[in-house]
Protein backbone atom coordinates (compact mmCIF):
# COMPACT_ATOMS: atom_id res chain seq x y z
CA MET A 1 -8.50 -83.83 -0.25
CA SER A 2 -12.27 -84.18 -0.07
CA PRO A 3 -14.67 -82.32 -2.36
CA ILE A 4 -16.28 -80.70 0.69
CA THR A 5 -12.99 -79.11 1.70
CA LEU A 6 -12.58 -77.70 -1.82
CA ALA A 7 -16.06 -76.21 -1.94
CA ALA A 8 -15.83 -74.33 1.35
CA PRO A 9 -13.31 -71.62 0.25
CA ALA A 10 -15.26 -70.99 -3.02
CA SER A 11 -18.42 -70.41 -1.06
CA GLY A 12 -16.56 -68.11 1.28
CA VAL A 13 -15.20 -66.10 -1.65
CA ARG A 14 -18.69 -65.72 -3.12
CA LYS A 15 -20.06 -64.61 0.25
CA SER A 16 -17.25 -62.15 0.65
CA ALA A 17 -17.88 -60.73 -2.86
CA LEU A 18 -21.60 -60.47 -2.13
CA ALA A 19 -20.83 -58.72 1.17
CA ARG A 20 -18.58 -56.19 -0.60
CA ARG A 21 -21.26 -55.56 -3.25
CA TYR A 22 -23.89 -55.17 -0.55
CA THR A 23 -21.64 -52.75 1.37
CA ALA A 24 -20.95 -50.68 -1.75
CA ALA A 25 -24.70 -50.58 -2.61
CA HIS A 26 -25.49 -49.59 0.97
CA TYR A 27 -23.07 -46.73 0.87
CA LYS A 28 -24.45 -45.53 -2.49
CA HIS A 29 -28.00 -45.47 -1.26
CA LEU A 30 -26.96 -43.81 2.03
CA ALA A 31 -24.93 -41.18 0.18
CA LEU A 32 -27.76 -40.47 -2.27
CA TYR A 33 -30.42 -39.98 0.42
CA LEU A 34 -28.07 -37.97 2.60
CA ILE A 35 -27.27 -35.64 -0.28
CA LEU A 36 -30.97 -35.19 -1.06
CA ALA A 37 -31.73 -34.48 2.60
CA VAL A 38 -28.97 -31.87 2.85
CA GLY A 39 -29.99 -30.24 -0.46
CA ILE A 40 -33.60 -29.99 0.58
CA GLY A 41 -32.56 -28.74 4.00
CA PHE A 42 -30.51 -25.92 2.42
CA ARG A 43 -33.49 -24.92 0.30
CA LEU A 44 -35.93 -24.91 3.19
CA PHE A 45 -33.52 -22.92 5.34
CA HIS A 46 -33.14 -20.15 2.79
CA PHE A 47 -36.87 -20.18 2.06
CA PHE A 48 -37.70 -19.53 5.77
CA TYR A 49 -34.75 -17.13 6.14
CA ASN A 50 -36.75 -15.06 3.61
CA ARG A 51 -34.25 -12.59 2.25
CA SER A 52 -35.37 -9.40 0.65
CA LEU A 53 -36.54 -9.54 -2.96
CA PHE A 54 -33.88 -8.34 -5.38
CA ILE A 55 -34.49 -5.96 -8.22
CA ASP A 56 -35.55 -8.49 -10.91
CA GLU A 57 -37.89 -10.25 -8.48
CA LEU A 58 -39.50 -6.92 -7.63
CA TYR A 59 -39.94 -6.00 -11.28
CA LEU A 60 -41.89 -9.23 -11.95
CA ASN A 61 -43.84 -9.59 -8.75
CA ILE A 62 -45.35 -6.14 -8.72
CA SER A 63 -47.60 -7.45 -11.54
CA LEU A 64 -48.25 -10.75 -9.72
CA ILE A 65 -49.67 -9.10 -6.61
CA LYS A 66 -51.71 -6.48 -8.52
CA LEU A 67 -53.16 -8.30 -11.56
CA ASN A 68 -55.73 -11.08 -11.61
CA PHE A 69 -55.46 -14.35 -13.61
CA TRP A 70 -57.12 -12.93 -16.71
CA GLU A 71 -55.00 -9.78 -16.64
CA LEU A 72 -51.80 -11.80 -16.22
CA ALA A 73 -52.73 -13.66 -19.40
CA THR A 74 -53.81 -10.70 -21.47
CA GLN A 75 -51.98 -7.60 -20.29
CA PRO A 76 -48.30 -6.66 -20.54
CA LEU A 77 -46.46 -7.11 -17.31
CA ALA A 78 -44.93 -4.09 -15.62
CA TYR A 79 -41.28 -3.19 -16.25
CA GLU A 80 -41.35 -5.21 -19.58
CA GLN A 81 -41.21 -8.50 -17.68
CA LYS A 82 -41.89 -11.86 -19.35
CA ALA A 83 -42.77 -15.23 -17.80
CA PRO A 84 -44.64 -18.38 -18.87
CA ILE A 85 -48.35 -18.33 -18.10
CA VAL A 86 -48.32 -21.54 -16.05
CA TYR A 87 -45.65 -20.07 -13.82
CA LEU A 88 -47.56 -16.80 -13.42
CA TRP A 89 -50.81 -18.52 -12.62
CA SER A 90 -49.17 -20.94 -10.19
CA VAL A 91 -47.56 -18.08 -8.24
CA LYS A 92 -50.80 -16.07 -8.35
CA LEU A 93 -52.56 -19.00 -6.74
CA CYS A 94 -49.97 -19.02 -3.99
CA VAL A 95 -50.55 -15.28 -3.51
CA LEU A 96 -54.33 -15.82 -3.15
CA LEU A 97 -53.78 -18.64 -0.67
CA PHE A 98 -50.93 -17.23 1.42
CA GLY A 99 -50.81 -13.48 0.91
CA LYS A 100 -48.51 -11.06 -0.91
CA GLY A 101 -45.35 -11.69 1.06
CA GLU A 102 -42.04 -12.96 -0.24
CA LYS A 103 -42.54 -16.59 0.89
CA ALA A 104 -45.82 -16.88 -1.01
CA LEU A 105 -44.10 -15.56 -4.18
CA ARG A 106 -41.26 -18.08 -3.70
CA LEU A 107 -43.29 -21.12 -2.77
CA PHE A 108 -43.83 -22.39 -6.31
CA SER A 109 -40.09 -22.00 -7.07
CA LEU A 110 -39.30 -24.03 -3.97
CA ILE A 111 -41.71 -26.78 -4.99
CA CYS A 112 -40.14 -26.86 -8.45
CA GLY A 113 -36.57 -26.92 -7.03
CA ILE A 114 -37.25 -29.87 -4.72
CA SER A 115 -39.28 -31.74 -7.36
CA ALA A 116 -36.41 -31.40 -9.83
CA LEU A 117 -34.13 -33.31 -7.45
CA PHE A 118 -36.46 -36.31 -7.19
CA ALA A 119 -37.25 -36.28 -10.91
CA PHE A 120 -33.54 -36.17 -11.73
CA ILE A 121 -32.81 -39.48 -9.94
CA PRO A 122 -34.43 -41.73 -12.62
CA VAL A 123 -32.87 -39.58 -15.33
CA ALA A 124 -29.42 -40.01 -13.79
CA ARG A 125 -29.99 -43.77 -13.47
CA PHE A 126 -30.83 -43.93 -17.16
CA TYR A 127 -27.42 -42.41 -18.15
CA LEU A 128 -25.31 -43.54 -15.22
CA LYS A 129 -24.64 -46.36 -12.84
CA GLU A 130 -23.48 -46.64 -9.26
CA TRP A 131 -21.46 -43.67 -8.02
CA GLY A 132 -22.20 -41.64 -11.14
CA VAL A 133 -25.82 -41.29 -10.02
CA VAL A 134 -24.70 -40.09 -6.58
CA LEU A 135 -22.39 -37.53 -8.10
CA ALA A 136 -24.97 -36.20 -10.60
CA VAL A 137 -27.72 -35.84 -7.98
CA GLY A 138 -25.19 -34.39 -5.54
CA LEU A 139 -24.05 -31.64 -7.90
CA LEU A 140 -27.63 -30.66 -8.71
CA SER A 141 -28.74 -30.85 -5.05
CA LEU A 142 -25.82 -29.02 -3.43
CA SER A 143 -25.05 -26.35 -6.00
CA TRP A 144 -25.47 -22.91 -4.47
CA ALA A 145 -26.93 -21.69 -7.77
CA THR A 146 -29.73 -24.29 -7.88
CA ILE A 147 -30.42 -23.64 -4.20
CA TYR A 148 -30.53 -19.88 -4.76
CA HIS A 149 -32.94 -20.13 -7.71
CA SER A 150 -35.11 -22.62 -5.74
CA VAL A 151 -35.95 -19.74 -3.37
CA GLU A 152 -36.08 -17.00 -6.00
CA ALA A 153 -39.40 -15.42 -6.99
CA LYS A 154 -38.65 -15.89 -10.67
CA GLN A 155 -39.28 -18.65 -13.20
CA TYR A 156 -35.78 -20.16 -13.40
CA SER A 157 -36.40 -22.99 -10.94
CA ALA A 158 -39.51 -23.95 -13.01
CA GLU A 159 -37.27 -23.97 -16.13
CA LEU A 160 -34.86 -26.35 -14.39
CA LEU A 161 -37.68 -28.68 -13.47
CA ALA A 162 -39.07 -28.56 -17.03
CA THR A 163 -35.66 -29.67 -18.42
CA VAL A 164 -35.49 -32.58 -15.99
CA LEU A 165 -39.05 -33.60 -16.83
CA GLY A 166 -38.33 -33.30 -20.54
CA LEU A 167 -35.36 -35.68 -20.13
CA LEU A 168 -37.50 -37.99 -17.99
CA LEU A 169 -40.17 -38.15 -20.66
CA TYR A 170 -37.43 -39.09 -23.15
CA THR A 171 -36.20 -41.95 -21.03
CA ARG A 172 -39.75 -43.30 -20.65
CA TYR A 173 -41.08 -42.92 -24.22
CA HIS A 174 -38.17 -42.82 -26.66
CA ASN A 175 -38.71 -46.55 -27.56
CA ALA A 176 -42.53 -46.26 -27.71
CA THR A 177 -44.22 -47.51 -30.82
CA ARG A 178 -47.85 -47.52 -29.80
CA LEU A 179 -50.11 -44.51 -30.32
CA HIS A 180 -51.10 -44.01 -26.67
CA PRO A 181 -47.58 -43.48 -25.18
CA LEU A 182 -46.55 -41.42 -28.18
CA LEU A 183 -49.55 -39.13 -27.61
CA LEU A 184 -48.75 -38.89 -23.90
CA TRP A 185 -45.22 -37.90 -24.73
CA GLY A 186 -46.36 -35.23 -27.14
CA LEU A 187 -49.01 -33.83 -24.83
CA ALA A 188 -46.79 -33.81 -21.77
CA GLY A 189 -43.97 -32.10 -23.65
CA GLY A 190 -46.34 -29.57 -25.20
CA LEU A 191 -47.81 -28.69 -21.79
CA LEU A 192 -44.32 -28.21 -20.28
CA LEU A 193 -43.64 -25.49 -22.83
CA TRP A 194 -46.27 -23.39 -21.08
CA LEU A 195 -44.19 -23.71 -17.89
CA SER A 196 -40.83 -22.98 -19.47
CA PHE A 197 -40.01 -21.00 -22.67
CA SER A 198 -36.42 -22.33 -22.63
CA LEU A 199 -37.67 -25.94 -22.82
CA ILE A 200 -38.01 -25.41 -26.56
CA PHE A 201 -34.20 -25.74 -26.84
CA VAL A 202 -34.29 -29.08 -24.99
CA LEU A 203 -37.19 -30.44 -27.03
CA ALA A 204 -35.63 -29.20 -30.24
CA GLY A 205 -32.40 -31.05 -29.38
CA ILE A 206 -34.25 -34.26 -28.53
CA GLY A 207 -36.39 -34.08 -31.68
CA THR A 208 -33.43 -33.34 -33.90
CA ALA A 209 -31.28 -36.15 -32.45
CA LEU A 210 -33.98 -38.82 -32.76
CA SER A 211 -35.16 -37.71 -36.20
CA LEU A 212 -31.61 -37.71 -37.65
CA LYS A 213 -30.93 -41.08 -36.18
CA ALA A 214 -34.04 -42.55 -37.84
CA ILE A 215 -33.14 -40.87 -41.16
CA PHE A 216 -29.53 -42.08 -41.12
CA GLU A 217 -30.69 -45.61 -40.34
CA ARG A 218 -33.39 -45.30 -43.04
CA ASN A 219 -35.90 -46.37 -40.46
CA TRP A 220 -38.81 -44.49 -41.97
CA LYS A 221 -41.46 -46.19 -39.88
CA ARG A 222 -39.66 -45.00 -36.75
CA PHE A 223 -39.25 -41.55 -38.21
CA PHE A 224 -42.99 -41.15 -38.85
CA THR A 225 -43.91 -42.48 -35.38
CA TYR A 226 -41.65 -39.79 -33.88
CA LEU A 227 -43.62 -37.16 -35.82
CA ILE A 228 -46.61 -37.77 -33.54
CA PRO A 229 -45.04 -36.31 -30.33
CA PHE A 230 -42.85 -33.86 -32.24
CA SER A 231 -45.84 -32.42 -34.12
CA LEU A 232 -47.67 -31.89 -30.84
CA TRP A 233 -44.67 -30.06 -29.44
CA LEU A 234 -44.48 -27.85 -32.54
CA PHE A 235 -48.25 -27.18 -32.40
CA SER A 236 -48.03 -26.26 -28.73
CA PHE A 237 -45.09 -23.93 -29.33
CA GLY A 238 -46.88 -22.31 -32.29
CA LEU A 239 -49.96 -21.67 -30.16
CA LEU A 240 -47.73 -20.30 -27.39
CA TYR A 241 -46.05 -18.01 -29.88
CA VAL A 242 -49.34 -16.68 -31.31
CA LEU A 243 -50.86 -16.04 -27.86
CA PHE A 244 -47.87 -14.80 -25.94
CA LEU A 245 -44.32 -14.91 -27.39
CA GLY A 246 -45.30 -13.11 -30.60
CA LYS A 247 -46.47 -10.13 -28.56
CA TYR A 248 -43.06 -9.70 -27.03
CA HIS A 249 -41.24 -7.31 -29.27
CA GLN A 250 -37.51 -7.78 -29.70
CA SER A 251 -35.98 -5.35 -27.22
CA GLY A 252 -32.98 -3.68 -28.77
CA TRP A 253 -32.05 -2.13 -25.43
CA LEU A 254 -32.03 -5.55 -23.76
CA ILE A 255 -29.74 -7.01 -26.42
CA ASP A 256 -27.47 -4.00 -26.00
CA PHE A 257 -27.52 -4.44 -22.21
CA PHE A 258 -26.50 -8.13 -22.21
CA ASP A 259 -23.96 -7.50 -24.97
CA LYS A 260 -22.19 -4.61 -23.28
CA ALA A 261 -22.65 -5.58 -19.61
CA TYR A 262 -22.15 -9.37 -19.79
CA ASP A 263 -20.78 -10.22 -23.24
CA ALA A 264 -23.58 -12.76 -23.37
CA PHE A 265 -23.74 -13.47 -27.11
CA MET A 266 -21.46 -15.96 -28.86
CA PRO A 267 -19.39 -14.25 -31.55
CA LEU A 268 -20.10 -15.52 -35.08
CA HIS A 269 -16.87 -14.14 -36.57
CA ILE A 270 -13.65 -14.14 -34.56
CA THR A 271 -11.73 -11.02 -35.50
CA ASN A 272 -9.83 -10.31 -32.27
CA TYR A 273 -8.33 -11.94 -29.19
CA ASP A 274 -11.25 -11.11 -26.90
CA GLN A 275 -13.70 -12.87 -29.17
CA ALA A 276 -11.55 -15.98 -29.26
CA LEU A 277 -11.20 -15.85 -25.45
CA TRP A 278 -14.99 -15.87 -25.19
CA PHE A 279 -15.02 -19.62 -25.96
CA LEU A 280 -12.79 -20.23 -22.94
CA LYS A 281 -14.28 -17.73 -20.54
CA LYS A 282 -17.95 -18.59 -21.00
CA PRO A 283 -17.61 -22.38 -20.38
CA TYR A 284 -15.55 -21.63 -17.28
CA ASN A 285 -18.11 -19.09 -16.11
CA VAL A 286 -20.79 -21.78 -16.53
CA LEU A 287 -18.97 -23.82 -13.88
CA TYR A 288 -19.53 -20.90 -11.47
CA HIS A 289 -23.09 -20.14 -12.47
CA PRO A 290 -25.38 -22.02 -13.07
CA LEU A 291 -23.44 -25.14 -12.03
CA GLY A 292 -22.10 -23.70 -8.78
CA VAL A 293 -19.05 -26.02 -8.66
CA LEU A 294 -16.31 -23.44 -8.31
CA LEU A 295 -15.15 -22.95 -4.76
CA HIS A 296 -15.82 -19.43 -3.48
CA LEU A 297 -12.63 -17.86 -2.15
CA ASN A 298 -11.87 -14.68 -0.27
CA ASN A 299 -10.52 -11.79 -2.33
CA ASN A 300 -7.39 -11.60 -0.17
CA ILE A 301 -5.85 -14.42 -2.19
CA ALA A 302 -3.97 -12.33 -4.71
CA SER A 303 -2.44 -14.99 -6.97
CA PHE A 304 -4.57 -15.86 -9.96
CA SER A 305 -2.92 -19.25 -10.35
CA VAL A 306 -3.48 -20.18 -6.72
CA LYS A 307 -7.13 -19.16 -7.01
CA PHE A 308 -7.49 -21.20 -10.19
CA LEU A 309 -6.11 -24.33 -8.56
CA LEU A 310 -8.10 -24.00 -5.34
CA LYS A 311 -11.45 -23.41 -7.04
CA LEU A 312 -11.14 -26.90 -8.64
CA GLY A 313 -12.92 -25.81 -11.80
CA TRP A 314 -10.04 -27.31 -13.81
CA LEU A 315 -10.75 -30.73 -12.28
CA THR A 316 -14.49 -30.57 -13.03
CA GLY A 317 -13.71 -29.32 -16.50
CA ILE A 318 -11.50 -32.34 -17.19
CA PHE A 319 -14.27 -34.71 -16.26
CA LEU A 320 -16.76 -32.70 -18.29
CA VAL A 321 -14.68 -32.95 -21.47
CA PHE A 322 -13.78 -36.58 -20.80
CA GLY A 323 -17.43 -37.40 -20.19
CA MET A 324 -18.49 -35.84 -23.48
CA ILE A 325 -15.81 -37.81 -25.40
CA MET A 326 -16.62 -41.11 -23.75
CA LEU A 327 -20.39 -40.71 -24.12
CA PHE A 328 -19.90 -39.83 -27.79
CA ARG A 329 -17.86 -42.97 -28.27
CA SER A 330 -20.07 -45.36 -26.31
CA ALA A 331 -23.63 -44.09 -26.85
CA ARG A 332 -23.84 -41.54 -29.66
CA ILE A 333 -27.61 -40.92 -29.43
CA SER A 334 -27.38 -40.32 -25.72
CA PHE A 335 -24.57 -37.86 -26.34
CA PHE A 336 -26.60 -35.88 -28.86
CA ILE A 337 -29.70 -35.82 -26.66
CA LEU A 338 -27.62 -33.93 -24.05
CA PHE A 339 -25.39 -31.96 -26.41
CA LEU A 340 -27.76 -30.62 -29.04
CA PRO A 341 -29.87 -28.52 -26.62
CA ILE A 342 -26.64 -26.88 -25.43
CA LEU A 343 -25.47 -26.30 -28.99
CA ILE A 344 -28.85 -24.88 -30.12
CA THR A 345 -28.87 -22.50 -27.15
CA PHE A 346 -25.41 -21.22 -28.03
CA LEU A 347 -26.41 -20.79 -31.69
CA ALA A 348 -29.44 -18.82 -30.59
CA SER A 349 -27.06 -16.64 -28.58
CA ALA A 350 -24.91 -16.11 -31.70
CA LEU A 351 -28.02 -14.77 -33.42
CA LYS A 352 -28.67 -12.61 -30.35
CA LEU A 353 -31.93 -14.37 -29.62
CA TYR A 354 -30.93 -15.68 -26.20
CA PRO A 355 -28.16 -14.58 -23.75
CA ILE A 356 -25.57 -17.01 -22.34
CA PHE A 357 -25.80 -15.61 -18.82
CA ASP A 358 -25.94 -17.41 -15.45
CA ARG A 359 -29.64 -17.70 -14.51
CA PHE A 360 -30.86 -17.73 -18.12
CA ILE A 361 -28.96 -21.01 -18.75
CA LEU A 362 -29.88 -22.69 -15.45
CA PHE A 363 -32.08 -25.03 -17.49
CA LEU A 364 -28.93 -26.46 -19.11
CA ALA A 365 -27.41 -27.46 -15.77
CA PRO A 366 -28.79 -31.04 -15.68
CA LEU A 367 -27.40 -31.79 -19.17
CA ILE A 368 -23.91 -30.56 -18.25
CA ILE A 369 -23.96 -32.33 -14.87
CA LEU A 370 -24.71 -35.68 -16.61
CA PHE A 371 -21.63 -35.19 -18.81
CA ILE A 372 -19.47 -34.52 -15.74
CA ALA A 373 -20.83 -37.56 -13.85
CA PHE A 374 -20.39 -39.78 -16.89
CA GLY A 375 -16.75 -38.70 -17.17
CA ALA A 376 -16.16 -39.45 -13.48
CA GLU A 377 -17.90 -42.83 -13.71
CA LYS A 378 -15.82 -43.89 -16.73
CA SER A 379 -12.67 -42.77 -14.88
CA MET A 380 -13.65 -45.04 -11.95
CA LYS A 381 -14.08 -47.93 -14.35
CA LEU A 382 -10.88 -47.17 -16.27
CA PHE A 383 -8.76 -47.17 -13.12
CA SER A 384 -10.77 -50.02 -11.45
CA LEU A 385 -11.44 -47.91 -8.39
CA LYS A 386 -12.97 -49.70 -5.42
CA TYR A 387 -15.99 -48.20 -3.66
CA ARG A 388 -13.90 -46.31 -1.10
CA ALA A 389 -11.80 -44.68 -3.80
CA SER A 390 -14.91 -44.00 -5.86
CA LEU A 391 -16.58 -42.41 -2.85
CA LEU A 392 -13.49 -40.27 -2.34
CA LEU A 393 -13.60 -39.04 -5.94
CA VAL A 394 -17.29 -38.18 -5.64
CA CYS A 395 -16.59 -36.33 -2.40
CA ILE A 396 -13.77 -34.30 -4.05
CA LEU A 397 -15.96 -33.30 -6.98
CA ILE A 398 -18.88 -32.40 -4.73
CA SER A 399 -16.83 -30.62 -2.07
CA PRO A 400 -16.77 -27.12 -3.72
CA ALA A 401 -20.57 -27.11 -4.12
CA LEU A 402 -21.07 -28.38 -0.58
CA ALA A 403 -18.54 -25.92 0.92
CA ASN A 404 -20.22 -22.97 -0.89
CA SER A 405 -23.72 -23.95 0.18
CA ALA A 406 -22.61 -24.72 3.77
CA ARG A 407 -21.07 -21.27 3.95
CA HIS A 408 -24.30 -19.70 2.77
CA PHE A 409 -26.16 -21.77 5.41
CA PHE A 410 -24.00 -20.67 8.31
CA TYR A 411 -23.57 -17.13 6.98
CA PRO A 412 -26.75 -16.42 4.96
CA ASP A 413 -25.74 -12.81 4.35
CA THR A 414 -23.10 -14.17 1.92
CA LEU A 415 -25.90 -15.46 -0.30
CA LEU A 416 -27.73 -12.15 0.03
CA ARG A 417 -24.62 -10.32 -1.21
CA LEU A 418 -24.76 -12.27 -4.47
CA SER A 419 -27.98 -10.45 -5.36
CA ASN A 420 -27.44 -7.27 -3.34
CA SER A 421 -31.04 -7.66 -2.20
CA THR A 422 -31.53 -5.34 0.75
CA GLU A 423 -34.43 -3.24 -0.50
CA ARG A 424 -36.83 -4.54 2.15
CA GLU A 425 -34.49 -3.61 4.97
CA GLY A 426 -34.30 -0.02 3.78
CA ILE A 427 -38.00 0.40 3.12
CA MET A 428 -38.90 -1.16 6.52
CA HIS A 429 -36.24 0.90 8.33
CA ILE A 430 -38.11 4.02 7.27
CA ASN A 431 -41.51 2.43 8.15
CA GLU A 432 -40.35 1.58 11.67
CA ASN A 433 -38.93 5.06 12.36
CA PHE A 434 -41.44 7.18 10.43
CA LYS A 435 -43.21 9.89 12.45
CA GLU A 436 -46.21 12.04 11.72
CA GLY A 437 -45.17 15.03 9.70
CA ASP A 438 -42.31 13.21 7.95
CA ALA A 439 -41.88 13.09 4.20
CA VAL A 440 -40.28 10.18 2.32
CA TYR A 441 -38.56 10.78 -1.02
CA VAL A 442 -37.80 7.68 -3.06
CA PHE A 443 -35.24 8.15 -5.82
CA TRP A 444 -36.46 6.75 -9.19
CA ASN A 445 -34.23 3.65 -8.98
CA MET A 446 -36.01 2.50 -5.79
CA ARG A 447 -39.58 2.98 -7.05
CA HIS A 448 -40.02 -0.73 -7.82
CA ALA A 449 -39.13 -1.65 -4.24
CA TYR A 450 -41.45 0.95 -2.77
CA ASP A 451 -44.32 -0.06 -5.06
CA TYR A 452 -44.09 -3.72 -4.02
CA TYR A 453 -43.66 -3.24 -0.28
CA LYS A 454 -46.34 -0.53 -0.19
CA GLU A 455 -48.80 -3.02 -1.71
CA ALA A 456 -47.60 -6.17 0.12
CA TYR A 457 -46.85 -4.73 3.57
CA GLY A 458 -49.26 -1.77 3.80
CA LEU A 459 -46.61 0.80 4.70
CA LYS A 460 -47.77 3.57 6.97
CA TYR A 461 -46.26 6.26 4.77
CA THR A 462 -47.00 7.35 1.22
CA ALA A 463 -43.76 8.36 -0.45
CA ILE A 464 -42.94 11.03 -2.95
CA LYS A 465 -41.74 8.99 -5.90
CA GLY A 466 -38.83 10.66 -7.64
CA SER A 467 -39.54 11.82 -11.17
CA TYR A 468 -37.66 10.11 -14.00
CA VAL A 469 -36.22 13.13 -15.79
CA LYS A 470 -32.80 12.02 -16.91
CA SER A 471 -33.93 11.40 -20.51
CA ILE A 472 -35.28 14.96 -20.87
CA SER A 473 -32.31 16.63 -19.13
CA THR A 474 -29.21 17.85 -20.88
CA SER A 475 -26.80 18.38 -17.96
CA PRO A 476 -26.49 17.85 -14.21
CA GLU A 477 -27.75 21.34 -13.59
CA ASP A 478 -30.72 20.87 -15.89
CA TYR A 479 -31.41 17.52 -14.15
CA LEU A 480 -31.75 19.16 -10.73
CA ARG A 481 -33.89 21.95 -12.18
CA ASN A 482 -36.26 19.32 -13.59
CA LEU A 483 -36.52 17.70 -10.17
CA SER A 484 -37.46 20.95 -8.47
CA PRO A 485 -41.21 20.12 -8.54
CA ASP A 486 -40.35 17.03 -6.44
CA PHE A 487 -38.41 19.15 -3.97
CA ALA A 488 -41.30 21.59 -3.62
CA LYS A 489 -43.37 18.74 -2.10
CA PHE A 490 -41.11 18.79 1.00
CA LYS A 491 -42.59 22.16 2.00
CA GLY A 492 -44.22 22.12 5.40
CA LYS A 493 -42.63 18.86 6.51
CA LYS A 494 -40.51 18.57 9.62
CA ARG A 495 -38.27 15.69 8.58
CA LEU A 496 -37.38 14.04 5.29
CA TRP A 497 -36.28 10.50 4.55
CA TYR A 498 -34.34 10.09 1.31
CA ILE A 499 -33.69 6.58 -0.08
CA TYR A 500 -31.70 5.63 -3.13
CA ASN A 501 -29.52 2.90 -4.63
CA THR A 502 -26.13 3.45 -6.19
CA ASN A 503 -26.05 0.17 -8.12
CA ASN A 504 -28.83 0.82 -10.59
CA ASP A 505 -28.29 3.76 -12.93
CA SER A 506 -30.28 2.56 -15.95
CA ASP A 507 -34.05 2.11 -16.14
CA ILE A 508 -35.92 -0.59 -18.00
CA GLY A 509 -36.00 0.11 -21.70
CA GLU A 510 -32.93 2.32 -21.57
CA TYR A 511 -29.66 1.89 -23.44
CA LEU A 512 -26.51 1.68 -21.29
CA GLY A 513 -24.51 4.87 -21.13
CA GLN A 514 -27.36 7.17 -22.23
CA PRO A 515 -27.49 10.07 -21.85
CA THR A 516 -23.74 10.49 -21.79
CA TRP A 517 -23.68 13.30 -19.21
CA TYR A 518 -25.56 11.09 -16.74
CA SER A 519 -23.25 8.11 -17.17
CA ARG A 520 -19.91 9.87 -17.32
CA ASN A 521 -17.21 8.88 -14.82
CA GLY A 522 -17.50 10.52 -11.43
CA TYR A 523 -21.11 11.62 -11.74
CA VAL A 524 -23.59 9.83 -9.45
CA ALA A 525 -27.06 11.28 -9.81
CA PRO A 526 -28.51 10.14 -6.42
CA LEU A 527 -25.51 11.69 -4.65
CA ALA A 528 -26.05 14.93 -6.52
CA VAL A 529 -29.67 14.88 -5.38
CA GLU A 530 -28.49 14.17 -1.81
CA GLN A 531 -26.31 17.27 -1.92
CA GLU A 532 -29.15 19.32 -3.34
CA ILE A 533 -31.56 18.19 -0.58
CA GLY A 534 -28.90 19.26 1.94
CA ARG A 535 -29.83 22.79 1.10
CA PHE A 536 -33.25 22.28 2.70
CA GLY A 537 -32.02 21.03 6.09
CA ARG A 538 -29.33 19.16 7.98
CA LYS A 539 -28.53 15.43 8.00
CA VAL A 540 -29.52 13.64 11.20
CA SER A 541 -28.67 10.04 10.41
CA ARG A 542 -27.54 7.75 7.64
CA TYR A 543 -28.40 4.08 7.20
CA THR A 544 -26.35 2.19 4.59
CA MET A 545 -26.54 -1.47 3.54
CA TYR A 546 -24.57 -2.52 0.46
CA TYR A 547 -25.67 -0.16 -2.32
CA GLN A 548 -28.72 1.19 -0.48
CA HIS A 549 -28.67 4.49 1.37
CA ILE A 550 -31.27 6.08 3.62
CA ILE A 551 -30.63 9.61 4.93
CA LEU A 552 -32.78 11.40 7.47
CA TYR A 553 -32.91 15.21 7.35
CA GLU A 554 -34.36 17.75 9.70
CA LEU A 555 -35.83 20.34 7.39
CA ASN A 556 -35.55 24.08 7.78
CA ASP A 557 -38.71 26.03 8.62
């Protein structure tokens, strides 16, 4: 047999292998860009759909449309709101350029949300290879939670971007030894703290991991070079604390609220079953929000076990735990870079300094996603999965996030229900049907909505804002007596619009359940006011949307 005959099959095998590798690489790039396009498309759709602002957005943005740059930096925000100064100034700039509407207030969040996706690609490629990158970017891009916060007029999308940029800086500069890149790392990280308060947990984790590594290796030269960027971070945080954070007093009512309403603080001492269960419930809840990887199911599925299986959280959880174990075994420093920020955040929650609650831990999502993707990637390698099988696994893990976000795309009201944000619809319903001689009475728990839309939309009516008298009242009867000066303002009016919300029964700065007569079972203050107003005239119409109610009365002479 001639040598030429022998060489031909070997060359064919090599060409076939190259073709398979090219095909796999082509599918990976195609999948990555398709996922990015779909994720950005979802964000743009919801941005232009322009849902009503929900209660927390209204609380913050009343200050943003009324205060100037200097006042935002020096004066307390209304409703005891807090946000980083770079975020506030960035949104204020959007307001000056594009007006006081919702889209202007959400534009910076949208920019941050889309930027985080592109910045996450090199971060994912640092930790992962091949299909793991596609999975990681896919989970971040298609998660309903990251999409929702990308079009929310709050700072959480900026916090997500800050975490991704913090990780990106680590991948670029962690091996730096020269002064210039070390200074760049320190200055960039320090500036990011002014965009995101929560970034301190990420930077603290990175700094702790790298410092301990240098100490354990007795690499003192490396340790002291790390002090250059870390000292700049610390200086920036100290300045931030003196100028802003130190002025925010610890709010006992807020701690009480997150403790009672959401069980948001990790128990330090386990003394009962519920406290032990916290360590199972909270990680599982993280899969729902902020990760958004639990499949949303209709409530008509009664069986808990069936729901648990269909949501696929158990599958994602397996890869999360497996990814943490495998990364710890294969690249310990990379493990601690991702794990320590999570640990520090949970420890802060145990000290009741920071709540473990959906949007507040959105900044941790990229870290957790990298663990999940690493676990999936190691599983592909362990079972020698070909690119078709790998693609199938990626699709299975991404499918709950994609299904949720697709549902919110085709039925955007389902996303609206997650925040119960219909204040604009109620306020504008009155504005469209208001007639000369009408009066509008806004119950106290809708004042924030009225204040914003009056300023931003120039409503044609000036409402009577319901007095906040619950704290000085001793009973339901006393409460209505204290509201009688409000009712006297209806005199001489032909019709009365009454608007209230049944979902919010506690004001900012108020402890839950206080006063006890107001919060007892069966008593709903706005309904009691509705019945009292009924004495002044008859109901003509009722407009209801979720928790919001608008009643029109024809008043007696």
